[in-house]
Amino acid sequence: VHLYTMSGCWYYTEYPDQKQTAGCYIFEPGGSIHEFNTPVTN
């Protein structure tokens, strides 16, 4: 997966301190396991 964040904020449950915000890009390799969240405070 190639994921671009255009606005807002999200993070993986497994990495709560690695927030993804507007302008961020993340590469998820095959075999990745995670849980996606948007903060309730957005």
Full PDB file with SEQRES, HELIX, SHEET, SSBOND, CRYST1, ORIGX, SCALE, CONECT and MASTER records, all heavy atoms in Angstrom:
SEQRES   1 A   42  VAL HIS LEU TYR THR MET SER GLY CYS TRP TYR TYR THR          
SEQRES   2 A   42  GLU TYR PRO ASP GLN LYS GLN THR ALA GLY CYS TYR ILE          
SEQRES   3 A   42  PHE GLU PRO GLY GLY SER ILE HIS GLU PHE ASN THR PRO          
SEQRES   4 A   42  VAL THR ASN                                                  
SHEET    1 AA1 2 HIS A   2  TYR A   4  0                                        
SHEET    2 AA1 2 TYR A  25  PHE A  27 -1                                        
SHEET    1 AA2 3 TYR A  15  THR A  21  0                                        
SHEET    2 AA2 3 CYS A   9  TYR A  12 -1                                        
SHEET    3 AA2 3 PHE A  36  ASN A  37 -1                                        
CRYST1    1.000    1.000    1.000  90.00  90.00  90.00 P 1           1          
ORIGX1      1.000000  0.000000  0.000000        0.00000                         
ORIGX2      0.000000  1.000000  0.000000        0.00000                         
ORIGX3      0.000000  0.000000  1.000000        0.00000                         
SCALE1      1.000000  0.000000  0.000000        0.00000                         
SCALE2      0.000000  1.000000  0.000000        0.00000                         
SCALE3      0.000000  0.000000  1.000000        0.00000                         
ATOM      1  N   VAL A   1       0.859  -1.186   0.000  1.00  0.00           N  
ATOM      2  CA  VAL A   1       0.000   0.000   0.000  1.00  0.00           C  
ATOM      3  C   VAL A   1       0.895   1.235   0.000  1.00  0.00           C  
ATOM      4  O   VAL A   1       1.872   1.299   0.742  1.00  0.00           O  
ATOM      5  CB  VAL A   1      -0.932   0.043   1.235  1.00  0.00           C  
ATOM      6  CG1 VAL A   1      -1.747   1.329   1.260  1.00  0.00           C  
ATOM      7  CG2 VAL A   1      -1.831  -1.172   1.291  1.00  0.00           C  
ATOM      8  N   HIS A   2       0.554   2.201  -0.844  1.00  0.00           N  
ATOM      9  CA  HIS A   2       1.151   3.532  -0.819  1.00  0.00           C  
ATOM     10  C   HIS A   2       0.032   4.448  -0.336  1.00  0.00           C  
ATOM     11  O   HIS A   2      -1.019   4.521  -0.970  1.00  0.00           O  
ATOM     12  CB  HIS A   2       1.603   3.969  -2.213  1.00  0.00           C  
ATOM     13  CG  HIS A   2       2.632   3.063  -2.803  1.00  0.00           C  
ATOM     14  ND1 HIS A   2       3.978   3.273  -2.627  1.00  0.00           N  
ATOM     15  CD2 HIS A   2       2.514   1.942  -3.560  1.00  0.00           C  
ATOM     16  CE1 HIS A   2       4.652   2.330  -3.259  1.00  0.00           C  
ATOM     17  NE2 HIS A   2       3.782   1.500  -3.833  1.00  0.00           N  
ATOM     18  N   LEU A   3       0.236   5.134   0.790  1.00  0.00           N  
ATOM     19  CA  LEU A   3      -0.830   5.946   1.388  1.00  0.00           C  
ATOM     20  C   LEU A   3      -0.346   7.377   1.582  1.00  0.00           C  
ATOM     21  O   LEU A   3       0.699   7.612   2.190  1.00  0.00           O  
ATOM     22  CB  LEU A   3      -1.240   5.347   2.738  1.00  0.00           C  
ATOM     23  CG  LEU A   3      -2.539   5.865   3.333  1.00  0.00           C  
ATOM     24  CD1 LEU A   3      -3.144   4.829   4.254  1.00  0.00           C  
ATOM     25  CD2 LEU A   3      -2.372   7.165   4.066  1.00  0.00           C  
ATOM     26  N   TYR A   4      -1.100   8.320   1.026  1.00  0.00           N  
ATOM     27  CA  TYR A   4      -0.821   9.744   1.144  1.00  0.00           C  
ATOM     28  C   TYR A   4      -1.904  10.372   2.013  1.00  0.00           C  
ATOM     29  O   TYR A   4      -3.093  10.148   1.794  1.00  0.00           O  
ATOM     30  CB  TYR A   4      -0.835  10.415  -0.230  1.00  0.00           C  
ATOM     31  CG  TYR A   4       0.157   9.812  -1.189  1.00  0.00           C  
ATOM     32  CD1 TYR A   4      -0.172   8.726  -1.979  1.00  0.00           C  
ATOM     33  CD2 TYR A   4       1.448  10.332  -1.294  1.00  0.00           C  
ATOM     34  CE1 TYR A   4       0.739   8.154  -2.854  1.00  0.00           C  
ATOM     35  CE2 TYR A   4       2.373   9.773  -2.167  1.00  0.00           C  
ATOM     36  CZ  TYR A   4       2.007   8.684  -2.942  1.00  0.00           C  
ATOM     37  OH  TYR A   4       2.909   8.121  -3.803  1.00  0.00           O  
ATOM     38  N   THR A   5      -1.505  11.159   2.995  1.00  0.00           N  
ATOM     39  CA  THR A   5      -2.458  11.869   3.851  1.00  0.00           C  
ATOM     40  C   THR A   5      -2.571  13.295   3.334  1.00  0.00           C  
ATOM     41  O   THR A   5      -1.574  14.021   3.286  1.00  0.00           O  
ATOM     42  CB  THR A   5      -1.986  11.850   5.313  1.00  0.00           C  
ATOM     43  OG1 THR A   5      -1.792  10.502   5.717  1.00  0.00           O  
ATOM     44  CG2 THR A   5      -3.009  12.524   6.222  1.00  0.00           C  
ATOM     45  N   MET A   6      -3.788  13.676   2.941  1.00  0.00           N  
ATOM     46  CA  MET A   6      -3.997  15.014   2.379  1.00  0.00           C  
ATOM     47  C   MET A   6      -4.458  16.019   3.428  1.00  0.00           C  
ATOM     48  O   MET A   6      -4.176  17.205   3.317  1.00  0.00           O  
ATOM     49  CB  MET A   6      -4.972  14.932   1.212  1.00  0.00           C  
ATOM     50  CG  MET A   6      -4.372  14.097   0.073  1.00  0.00           C  
ATOM     51  SD  MET A   6      -5.369  14.009  -1.406  1.00  0.00           S  
ATOM     52  CE  MET A   6      -6.698  12.954  -0.873  1.00  0.00           C  
ATOM     53  N   SER A   7      -5.202  15.546   4.447  1.00  0.00           N  
ATOM     54  CA  SER A   7      -5.593  16.410   5.560  1.00  0.00           C  
ATOM     55  C   SER A   7      -5.936  15.529   6.758  1.00  0.00           C  
ATOM     56  O   SER A   7      -6.126  14.319   6.626  1.00  0.00           O  
ATOM     57  CB  SER A   7      -6.793  17.295   5.185  1.00  0.00           C  
ATOM     58  OG  SER A   7      -7.960  16.507   5.023  1.00  0.00           O  
ATOM     59  N   GLY A   8      -6.001  16.160   7.909  1.00  0.00           N  
ATOM     60  CA  GLY A   8      -6.348  15.432   9.120  1.00  0.00           C  
ATOM     61  C   GLY A   8      -5.157  14.708   9.719  1.00  0.00           C  
ATOM     62  O   GLY A   8      -3.996  15.058   9.474  1.00  0.00           O  
ATOM     63  N   CYS A   9      -5.458  13.680  10.507  1.00  0.00           N  
ATOM     64  CA  CYS A   9      -4.428  12.952  11.235  1.00  0.00           C  
ATOM     65  C   CYS A   9      -4.900  11.527  11.467  1.00  0.00           C  
ATOM     66  O   CYS A   9      -6.090  11.291  11.705  1.00  0.00           O  
ATOM     67  CB  CYS A   9      -4.196  13.644  12.586  1.00  0.00           C  
ATOM     68  SG  CYS A   9      -3.057  12.792  13.688  1.00  0.00           S  
ATOM     69  N   TRP A  10      -3.957  10.588  11.402  1.00  0.00           N  
ATOM     70  CA  TRP A  10      -4.253   9.195  11.724  1.00  0.00           C  
ATOM     71  C   TRP A  10      -2.985   8.536  12.252  1.00  0.00           C  
ATOM     72  O   TRP A  10      -1.896   9.087  12.152  1.00  0.00           O  
ATOM     73  CB  TRP A  10      -4.804   8.441  10.519  1.00  0.00           C  
ATOM     74  CG  TRP A  10      -3.832   8.238   9.404  1.00  0.00           C  
ATOM     75  CD1 TRP A  10      -3.593   9.104   8.370  1.00  0.00           C  
ATOM     76  CD2 TRP A  10      -2.951   7.135   9.212  1.00  0.00           C  
ATOM     77  NE1 TRP A  10      -2.611   8.590   7.546  1.00  0.00           N  
ATOM     78  CE2 TRP A  10      -2.199   7.376   8.046  1.00  0.00           C  
ATOM     79  CE3 TRP A  10      -2.714   5.946   9.909  1.00  0.00           C  
ATOM     80  CZ2 TRP A  10      -1.239   6.503   7.563  1.00  0.00           C  
ATOM     81  CZ3 TRP A  10      -1.765   5.064   9.428  1.00  0.00           C  
ATOM     82  CH2 TRP A  10      -1.042   5.346   8.263  1.00  0.00           C  
ATOM     83  N   TYR A  11      -3.157   7.342  12.831  1.00  0.00           N  
ATOM     84  CA  TYR A  11      -2.025   6.591  13.362  1.00  0.00           C  
ATOM     85  C   TYR A  11      -2.405   5.118  13.462  1.00  0.00           C  
ATOM     86  O   TYR A  11      -3.577   4.758  13.416  1.00  0.00           O  
ATOM     87  CB  TYR A  11      -1.603   7.118  14.741  1.00  0.00           C  
ATOM     88  CG  TYR A  11      -2.671   6.943  15.790  1.00  0.00           C  
ATOM     89  CD1 TYR A  11      -2.681   5.818  16.615  1.00  0.00           C  
ATOM     90  CD2 TYR A  11      -3.694   7.878  15.949  1.00  0.00           C  
ATOM     91  CE1 TYR A  11      -3.677   5.634  17.566  1.00  0.00           C  
ATOM     92  CE2 TYR A  11      -4.683   7.704  16.884  1.00  0.00           C  
ATOM     93  CZ  TYR A  11      -4.668   6.582  17.694  1.00  0.00           C  
ATOM     94  OH  TYR A  11      -5.671   6.391  18.617  1.00  0.00           O  
ATOM     95  N   TYR A  12      -1.387   4.266  13.599  1.00  0.00           N  
ATOM     96  CA  TYR A  12      -1.618   2.850  13.873  1.00  0.00           C  
ATOM     97  C   TYR A  12      -1.697   2.648  15.380  1.00  0.00           C  
ATOM     98  O   TYR A  12      -0.912   3.252  16.127  1.00  0.00           O  
ATOM     99  CB  TYR A  12      -0.467   1.988  13.340  1.00  0.00           C  
ATOM    100  CG  TYR A  12      -0.248   2.029  11.861  1.00  0.00           C  
ATOM    101  CD1 TYR A  12       0.974   2.413  11.343  1.00  0.00           C  
ATOM    102  CD2 TYR A  12      -1.253   1.651  10.982  1.00  0.00           C  
ATOM    103  CE1 TYR A  12       1.203   2.420   9.975  1.00  0.00           C  
ATOM    104  CE2 TYR A  12      -1.031   1.665   9.611  1.00  0.00           C  
ATOM    105  CZ  TYR A  12       0.193   2.055   9.122  1.00  0.00           C  
ATOM    106  OH  TYR A  12       0.412   2.063   7.768  1.00  0.00           O  
ATOM    107  N   THR A  13      -2.590   1.781  15.827  1.00  0.00           N  
ATOM    108  CA  THR A  13      -2.669   1.437  17.243  1.00  0.00           C  
ATOM    109  C   THR A  13      -1.304   1.012  17.762  1.00  0.00           C  
ATOM    110  O   THR A  13      -0.906   1.360  18.876  1.00  0.00           O  
ATOM    111  CB  THR A  13      -3.679   0.290  17.450  1.00  0.00           C  
ATOM    112  OG1 THR A  13      -4.963   0.719  17.000  1.00  0.00           O  
ATOM    113  CG2 THR A  13      -3.765  -0.140  18.899  1.00  0.00           C  
ATOM    114  N   GLU A  14      -0.574   0.283  16.922  1.00  0.00           N  
ATOM    115  CA  GLU A  14       0.728  -0.268  17.315  1.00  0.00           C  
ATOM    116  C   GLU A  14       1.822   0.804  17.429  1.00  0.00           C  
ATOM    117  O   GLU A  14       2.866   0.564  18.041  1.00  0.00           O  
ATOM    118  CB  GLU A  14       1.173  -1.329  16.298  1.00  0.00           C  
ATOM    119  CG  GLU A  14       0.227  -2.511  16.187  1.00  0.00           C  
ATOM    120  CD  GLU A  14      -1.029  -2.226  15.340  1.00  0.00           C  
ATOM    121  OE1 GLU A  14      -1.116  -1.175  14.665  1.00  0.00           O  
ATOM    122  OE2 GLU A  14      -1.920  -3.082  15.371  1.00  0.00           O  
ATOM    123  N   TYR A  15       1.600   1.966  16.823  1.00  0.00           N  
ATOM    124  CA  TYR A  15       2.590   3.044  16.818  1.00  0.00           C  
ATOM    125  C   TYR A  15       1.895   4.385  17.095  1.00  0.00           C  
ATOM    126  O   TYR A  15       1.872   5.278  16.246  1.00  0.00           O  
ATOM    127  CB  TYR A  15       3.321   3.110  15.474  1.00  0.00           C  
ATOM    128  CG  TYR A  15       3.953   1.801  15.081  1.00  0.00           C  
ATOM    129  CD1 TYR A  15       3.323   0.941  14.185  1.00  0.00           C  
ATOM    130  CD2 TYR A  15       5.168   1.406  15.639  1.00  0.00           C  
ATOM    131  CE1 TYR A  15       3.895  -0.282  13.839  1.00  0.00           C  
ATOM    132  CE2 TYR A  15       5.750   0.192  15.300  1.00  0.00           C  
ATOM    133  CZ  TYR A  15       5.102  -0.646  14.399  1.00  0.00           C  
ATOM    134  OH  TYR A  15       5.666  -1.853  14.066  1.00  0.00           O  
ATOM    135  N   PRO A  16       1.324   4.561  18.295  1.00  0.00           N  
ATOM    136  CA  PRO A  16       0.519   5.764  18.557  1.00  0.00           C  
ATOM    137  C   PRO A  16       1.301   7.070  18.506  1.00  0.00           C  
ATOM    138  O   PRO A  16       0.704   8.130  18.317  1.00  0.00           O  
ATOM    139  CB  PRO A  16      -0.025   5.507  19.960  1.00  0.00           C  
ATOM    140  CG  PRO A  16       0.923   4.535  20.581  1.00  0.00           C  
ATOM    141  CD  PRO A  16       1.426   3.685  19.447  1.00  0.00           C  
ATOM    142  N   ASP A  17       2.621   7.011  18.640  1.00  0.00           N  
ATOM    143  CA  ASP A  17       3.431   8.229  18.616  1.00  0.00           C  
ATOM    144  C   ASP A  17       3.876   8.616  17.211  1.00  0.00           C  
ATOM    145  O   ASP A  17       4.575   9.614  17.036  1.00  0.00           O  
ATOM    146  CB  ASP A  17       4.658   8.069  19.517  1.00  0.00           C  
ATOM    147  CG  ASP A  17       4.264   7.906  20.977  1.00  0.00           C  
ATOM    148  OD1 ASP A  17       3.186   8.404  21.367  1.00  0.00           O  
ATOM    149  OD2 ASP A  17       5.026   7.257  21.720  1.00  0.00           O  
ATOM    150  N   GLN A  18       3.510   7.822  16.205  1.00  0.00           N  
ATOM    151  CA  GLN A  18       3.896   8.114  14.821  1.00  0.00           C  
ATOM    152  C   GLN A  18       2.681   8.602  14.040  1.00  0.00           C  
ATOM    153  O   GLN A  18       2.182   7.942  13.134  1.00  0.00           O  
ATOM    154  CB  GLN A  18       4.510   6.875  14.172  1.00  0.00           C  
ATOM    155  CG  GLN A  18       5.804   6.454  14.828  1.00  0.00           C  
ATOM    156  CD  GLN A  18       6.415   5.235  14.178  1.00  0.00           C  
ATOM    157  OE1 GLN A  18       6.140   4.904  13.023  1.00  0.00           O  
ATOM    158  NE2 GLN A  18       7.266   4.544  14.919  1.00  0.00           N  
ATOM    159  N   LYS A  19       2.185   9.773  14.406  1.00  0.00           N  
ATOM    160  CA  LYS A  19       1.004  10.350  13.764  1.00  0.00           C  
ATOM    161  C   LYS A  19       1.326  10.731  12.321  1.00  0.00           C  
ATOM    162  O   LYS A  19       2.382  11.269  12.016  1.00  0.00           O  
ATOM    163  CB  LYS A  19       0.536  11.586  14.531  1.00  0.00           C  
ATOM    164  CG  LYS A  19       0.230  11.339  16.009  1.00  0.00           C  
ATOM    165  CD  LYS A  19      -1.183  10.980  16.227  1.00  0.00           C  
ATOM    166  CE  LYS A  19      -1.650  10.989  17.654  1.00  0.00           C  
ATOM    167  NZ  LYS A  19      -0.985  10.160  18.624  1.00  0.00           N  
ATOM    168  N   GLN A  20       0.391  10.442  11.421  1.00  0.00           N  
ATOM    169  CA  GLN A  20       0.484  10.807  10.013  1.00  0.00           C  
ATOM    170  C   GLN A  20      -0.446  12.002   9.790  1.00  0.00           C  
ATOM    171  O   GLN A  20      -1.626  11.942  10.139  1.00  0.00           O  
ATOM    172  CB  GLN A  20       0.073   9.635   9.128  1.00  0.00           C  
ATOM    173  CG  GLN A  20       0.876   8.372   9.378  1.00  0.00           C  
ATOM    174  CD  GLN A  20       2.331   8.551   9.036  1.00  0.00           C  
ATOM    175  OE1 GLN A  20       2.689   8.940   7.926  1.00  0.00           O  
ATOM    176  NE2 GLN A  20       3.203   8.259   9.995  1.00  0.00           N  
ATOM    177  N   THR A  21       0.079  13.077   9.232  1.00  0.00           N  
ATOM    178  CA  THR A  21      -0.688  14.308   9.034  1.00  0.00           C  
ATOM    179  C   THR A  21      -0.579  14.758   7.577  1.00  0.00           C  
ATOM    180  O   THR A  21       0.109  14.133   6.774  1.00  0.00           O  
ATOM    181  CB  THR A  21      -0.167  15.409   9.977  1.00  0.00           C  
ATOM    182  OG1 THR A  21       1.223  15.609   9.716  1.00  0.00           O  
ATOM    183  CG2 THR A  21      -0.366  15.043  11.446  1.00  0.00           C  
ATOM    184  N   ALA A  22      -1.248  15.851   7.259  1.00  0.00           N  
ATOM    185  CA  ALA A  22      -1.260  16.364   5.884  1.00  0.00           C  
ATOM    186  C   ALA A  22       0.148  16.428   5.315  1.00  0.00           C  
ATOM    187  O   ALA A  22       1.070  16.935   5.949  1.00  0.00           O  
ATOM    188  CB  ALA A  22      -1.908  17.738   5.843  1.00  0.00           C  
ATOM    189  N   GLY A  23       0.311  15.857   4.114  1.00  0.00           N  
ATOM    190  CA  GLY A  23       1.598  15.846   3.437  1.00  0.00           C  
ATOM    191  C   GLY A  23       2.421  14.592   3.686  1.00  0.00           C  
ATOM    192  O   GLY A  23       3.435  14.385   3.027  1.00  0.00           O  
ATOM    193  N   CYS A  24       1.996  13.742   4.619  1.00  0.00           N  
ATOM    194  CA  CYS A  24       2.759  12.519   4.912  1.00  0.00           C  
ATOM    195  C   CYS A  24       2.476  11.432   3.877  1.00  0.00           C  
ATOM    196  O   CYS A  24       1.371  11.320   3.356  1.00  0.00           O  
ATOM    197  CB  CYS A  24       2.393  11.978   6.299  1.00  0.00           C  
ATOM    198  SG  CYS A  24       3.042  12.931   7.666  1.00  0.00           S  
ATOM    199  N   TYR A  25       3.512  10.633   3.633  1.00  0.00           N  
ATOM    200  CA  TYR A  25       3.416   9.445   2.782  1.00  0.00           C  
ATOM    201  C   TYR A  25       3.933   8.270   3.600  1.00  0.00           C  
ATOM    202  O   TYR A  25       4.918   8.397   4.328  1.00  0.00           O  
ATOM    203  CB  TYR A  25       4.277   9.601   1.519  1.00  0.00           C  
ATOM    204  CG  TYR A  25       4.609   8.290   0.856  1.00  0.00           C  
ATOM    205  CD1 TYR A  25       3.681   7.661   0.033  1.00  0.00           C  
ATOM    206  CD2 TYR A  25       5.831   7.659   1.073  1.00  0.00           C  
ATOM    207  CE1 TYR A  25       3.975   6.443  -0.568  1.00  0.00           C  
ATOM    208  CE2 TYR A  25       6.134   6.442   0.469  1.00  0.00           C  
ATOM    209  CZ  TYR A  25       5.198   5.840  -0.340  1.00  0.00           C  
ATOM    210  OH  TYR A  25       5.480   4.639  -0.925  1.00  0.00           O  
ATOM    211  N   ILE A  26       3.249   7.132   3.491  1.00  0.00           N  
ATOM    212  CA  ILE A  26       3.732   5.928   4.159  1.00  0.00           C  
ATOM    213  C   ILE A  26       3.601   4.751   3.205  1.00  0.00           C  
ATOM    214  O   ILE A  26       2.638   4.662   2.440  1.00  0.00           O  
ATOM    215  CB  ILE A  26       2.981   5.675   5.492  1.00  0.00           C  
ATOM    216  CG1 ILE A  26       3.727   4.644   6.332  1.00  0.00           C  
ATOM    217  CG2 ILE A  26       1.547   5.278   5.268  1.00  0.00           C  
ATOM    218  CD1 ILE A  26       3.309   4.635   7.791  1.00  0.00           C  
ATOM    219  N   PHE A  27       4.602   3.870   3.255  1.00  0.00           N  
ATOM    220  CA  PHE A  27       4.617   2.645   2.465  1.00  0.00           C  
ATOM    221  C   PHE A  27       4.345   1.489   3.409  1.00  0.00           C  
ATOM    222  O   PHE A  27       5.012   1.350   4.435  1.00  0.00           O  
ATOM    223  CB  PHE A  27       5.979   2.468   1.794  1.00  0.00           C  
ATOM    224  CG  PHE A  27       6.143   1.137   1.113  1.00  0.00           C  
ATOM    225  CD1 PHE A  27       5.542   0.897  -0.110  1.00  0.00           C  
ATOM    226  CD2 PHE A  27       6.888   0.127   1.699  1.00  0.00           C  
ATOM    227  CE1 PHE A  27       5.690  -0.334  -0.748  1.00  0.00           C  
ATOM    228  CE2 PHE A  27       7.047  -1.105   1.071  1.00  0.00           C  
ATOM    229  CZ  PHE A  27       6.442  -1.335  -0.156  1.00  0.00           C  
ATOM    230  N   GLU A  28       3.346   0.673   3.074  1.00  0.00           N  
ATOM    231  CA  GLU A  28       3.032  -0.521   3.855  1.00  0.00           C  
ATOM    232  C   GLU A  28       3.429  -1.735   3.013  1.00  0.00           C  
ATOM    233  O   GLU A  28       2.813  -1.991   1.975  1.00  0.00           O  
ATOM    234  CB  GLU A  28       1.545  -0.578   4.182  1.00  0.00           C  
ATOM    235  CG  GLU A  28       1.058   0.581   5.006  1.00  0.00           C  
ATOM    236  CD  GLU A  28      -0.452   0.559   5.243  1.00  0.00           C  
ATOM    237  OE1 GLU A  28      -1.157  -0.283   4.636  1.00  0.00           O  
ATOM    238  OE2 GLU A  28      -0.926   1.384   6.030  1.00  0.00           O  
ATOM    239  N   PRO A  29       4.441  -2.482   3.430  1.00  0.00           N  
ATOM    240  CA  PRO A  29       4.825  -3.662   2.661  1.00  0.00           C  
ATOM    241  C   PRO A  29       3.797  -4.780   2.803  1.00  0.00           C  
ATOM    242  O   PRO A  29       3.053  -4.829   3.794  1.00  0.00           O  
ATOM    243  CB  PRO A  29       6.162  -4.071   3.275  1.00  0.00           C  
ATOM    244  CG  PRO A  29       6.168  -3.480   4.637  1.00  0.00           C  
ATOM    245  CD  PRO A  29       5.300  -2.261   4.584  1.00  0.00           C  
ATOM    246  N   GLY A  30       3.737  -5.664   1.810  1.00  0.00           N  
ATOM    247  CA  GLY A  30       2.894  -6.839   1.943  1.00  0.00           C  
ATOM    248  C   GLY A  30       3.284  -7.593   3.202  1.00  0.00           C  
ATOM    249  O   GLY A  30       4.462  -7.661   3.559  1.00  0.00           O  
ATOM    250  N   GLY A  31       2.301  -8.131   3.892  1.00  0.00           N  
ATOM    251  CA  GLY A  31       2.547  -8.832   5.147  1.00  0.00           C  
ATOM    252  C   GLY A  31       2.388  -7.948   6.367  1.00  0.00           C  
ATOM    253  O   GLY A  31       2.466  -8.434   7.490  1.00  0.00           O  
ATOM    254  N   SER A  32       2.156  -6.645   6.163  1.00  0.00           N  
ATOM    255  CA  SER A  32       1.941  -5.738   7.298  1.00  0.00           C  
ATOM    256  C   SER A  32       0.658  -6.104   8.033  1.00  0.00           C  
ATOM    257  O   SER A  32      -0.342  -6.471   7.417  1.00  0.00           O  
ATOM    258  CB  SER A  32       1.820  -4.290   6.820  1.00  0.00           C  
ATOM    259  OG  SER A  32       2.990  -3.848   6.205  1.00  0.00           O  
ATOM    260  N   ILE A  33       0.701  -5.974   9.340  1.00  0.00           N  
ATOM    261  CA  ILE A  33      -0.484  -6.193  10.180  1.00  0.00           C  
ATOM    262  C   ILE A  33      -0.596  -4.988  11.098  1.00  0.00           C  
ATOM    263  O   ILE A  33       0.361  -4.650  11.812  1.00  0.00           O  
ATOM    264  CB  ILE A  33      -0.353  -7.478  11.021  1.00  0.00           C  
ATOM    265  CG1 ILE A  33      -0.154  -8.691  10.129  1.00  0.00           C  
ATOM    266  CG2 ILE A  33      -1.569  -7.643  11.924  1.00  0.00           C  
ATOM    267  CD1 ILE A  33       0.167  -9.968  10.883  1.00  0.00           C  
ATOM    268  N   HIS A  34      -1.761  -4.331  11.085  1.00  0.00           N  
ATOM    269  CA  HIS A  34      -1.947  -3.148  11.927  1.00  0.00           C  
ATOM    270  C   HIS A  34      -3.420  -2.765  12.015  1.00  0.00           C  
ATOM    271  O   HIS A  34      -4.266  -3.333  11.334  1.00  0.00           O  
ATOM    272  CB  HIS A  34      -1.117  -1.965  11.407  1.00  0.00           C  
ATOM    273  CG  HIS A  34      -1.261  -1.755   9.945  1.00  0.00           C  
ATOM    274  ND1 HIS A  34      -0.214  -1.913   9.071  1.00  0.00           N  
ATOM    275  CD2 HIS A  34      -2.330  -1.432   9.178  1.00  0.00           C  
ATOM    276  CE1 HIS A  34      -0.628  -1.673   7.844  1.00  0.00           C  
ATOM    277  NE2 HIS A  34      -1.909  -1.383   7.889  1.00  0.00           N  
ATOM    278  N   GLU A  35      -3.671  -1.761  12.868  1.00  0.00           N  
ATOM    279  CA  GLU A  35      -5.019  -1.226  13.072  1.00  0.00           C  
ATOM    280  C   GLU A  35      -4.944   0.289  12.887  1.00  0.00           C  
ATOM    281  O   GLU A  35      -4.142   0.959  13.536  1.00  0.00           O  
ATOM    282  CB  GLU A  35      -5.484  -1.584  14.489  1.00  0.00           C  
ATOM    283  CG  GLU A  35      -6.912  -1.255  14.783  1.00  0.00           C  
ATOM    284  CD  GLU A  35      -7.289  -1.743  16.170  1.00  0.00           C  
ATOM    285  OE1 GLU A  35      -6.698  -1.260  17.159  1.00  0.00           O  
ATOM    286  OE2 GLU A  35      -8.175  -2.608  16.267  1.00  0.00           O  
ATOM    287  N   PHE A  36      -5.765   0.824  12.007  1.00  0.00           N  
ATOM    288  CA  PHE A  36      -5.783   2.242  11.615  1.00  0.00           C  
ATOM    289  C   PHE A  36      -6.750   3.002  12.508  1.00  0.00           C  
ATOM    290  O   PHE A  36      -7.878   2.537  12.750  1.00  0.00           O  
ATOM    291  CB  PHE A  36      -6.228   2.320  10.155  1.00  0.00           C  
ATOM    292  CG  PHE A  36      -6.419   3.695   9.594  1.00  0.00           C  
ATOM    293  CD1 PHE A  36      -5.452   4.255   8.784  1.00  0.00           C  
ATOM    294  CD2 PHE A  36      -7.575   4.416   9.847  1.00  0.00           C  
ATOM    295  CE1 PHE A  36      -5.638   5.512   8.230  1.00  0.00           C  
ATOM    296  CE2 PHE A  36      -7.769   5.670   9.307  1.00  0.00           C  
ATOM    297  CZ  PHE A  36      -6.797   6.223   8.492  1.00  0.00           C  
ATOM    298  N   ASN A  37      -6.348   4.192  12.973  1.00  0.00           N  
ATOM    299  CA  ASN A  37      -7.204   5.032  13.832  1.00  0.00           C  
ATOM    300  C   ASN A  37      -7.125   6.495  13.420  1.00  0.00           C  
ATOM    301  O   ASN A  37      -6.050   6.973  13.048  1.00  0.00           O  
ATOM    302  CB  ASN A  37      -6.711   4.993  15.285  1.00  0.00           C  
ATOM    303  CG  ASN A  37      -6.718   3.621  15.870  1.00  0.00           C  
ATOM    304  OD1 ASN A  37      -7.718   3.189  16.394  1.00  0.00           O  
ATOM    305  ND2 ASN A  37      -5.599   2.922  15.778  1.00  0.00           N  
ATOM    306  N   THR A  38      -8.237   7.202  13.560  1.00  0.00           N  
ATOM    307  CA  THR A  38      -8.210   8.659  13.519  1.00  0.00           C  
ATOM    308  C   THR A  38      -8.545   9.136  14.929  1.00  0.00           C  
ATOM    309  O   THR A  38      -9.488   8.628  15.555  1.00  0.00           O  
ATOM    310  CB  THR A  38      -9.224   9.238  12.512  1.00  0.00           C  
ATOM    311  OG1 THR A  38     -10.536   8.780  12.827  1.00  0.00           O  
ATOM    312  CG2 THR A  38      -8.858   8.844  11.082  1.00  0.00           C  
ATOM    313  N   PRO A  39      -7.775  10.083  15.463  1.00  0.00           N  
ATOM    314  CA  PRO A  39      -8.040  10.548  16.823  1.00  0.00           C  
ATOM    315  C   PRO A  39      -9.436  11.161  16.950  1.00  0.00           C  
ATOM    316  O   PRO A  39      -9.892  11.873  16.052  1.00  0.00           O  
ATOM    317  CB  PRO A  39      -6.967  11.612  17.066  1.00  0.00           C  
ATOM    318  CG  PRO A  39      -5.880  11.304  16.082  1.00  0.00           C  
ATOM    319  CD  PRO A  39      -6.585  10.719  14.888  1.00  0.00           C  
ATOM    320  N   VAL A  40     -10.083  10.883  18.051  1.00  0.00           N  
ATOM    321  CA  VAL A  40     -11.396  11.471  18.312  1.00  0.00           C  
ATOM    322  C   VAL A  40     -11.288  12.988  18.430  1.00  0.00           C  
ATOM    323  O   VAL A  40     -12.261  13.709  18.217  1.00  0.00           O  
ATOM    324  CB  VAL A  40     -12.037  10.824  19.566  1.00  0.00           C  
ATOM    325  CG1 VAL A  40     -11.332  11.251  20.832  1.00  0.00           C  
ATOM    326  CG2 VAL A  40     -13.521  11.093  19.623  1.00  0.00           C  
ATOM    327  N   THR A  41     -10.093  13.488  18.724  1.00  0.00           N  
ATOM    328  CA  THR A  41      -9.865  14.928  18.871  1.00  0.00           C  
ATOM    329  C   THR A  41      -9.645  15.651  17.540  1.00  0.00           C  
ATOM    330  O   THR A  41      -9.519  16.875  17.533  1.00  0.00           O  
ATOM    331  CB  THR A  41      -8.635  15.173  19.774  1.00  0.00           C  
ATOM    332  OG1 THR A  41      -7.515  14.474  19.214  1.00  0.00           O  
ATOM    333  CG2 THR A  41      -8.891  14.687  21.198  1.00  0.00           C  
ATOM    334  N   ASN A  42      -9.607  14.905  16.422  1.00  0.00           N  
ATOM    335  CA  ASN A  42      -9.473  15.577  15.113  1.00  0.00           C  
ATOM    336  C   ASN A  42     -10.592  16.589  14.946  1.00  0.00           C  
ATOM    337  O   ASN A  42     -11.750  16.318  15.300  1.00  0.00           O  
ATOM    338  CB  ASN A  42      -9.558  14.556  13.972  1.00  0.00           C  
ATOM    339  CG  ASN A  42      -8.232  13.895  13.665  1.00  0.00           C  
ATOM    340  OD1 ASN A  42      -7.248  14.122  14.340  1.00  0.00           O  
ATOM    341  ND2 ASN A  42      -8.223  13.040  12.645  1.00  0.00           N  
TER     342      ASN A  42                                                      
MASTER        0    0    0    0    5    0    0    6  341    1    0    4          
END                                                                             
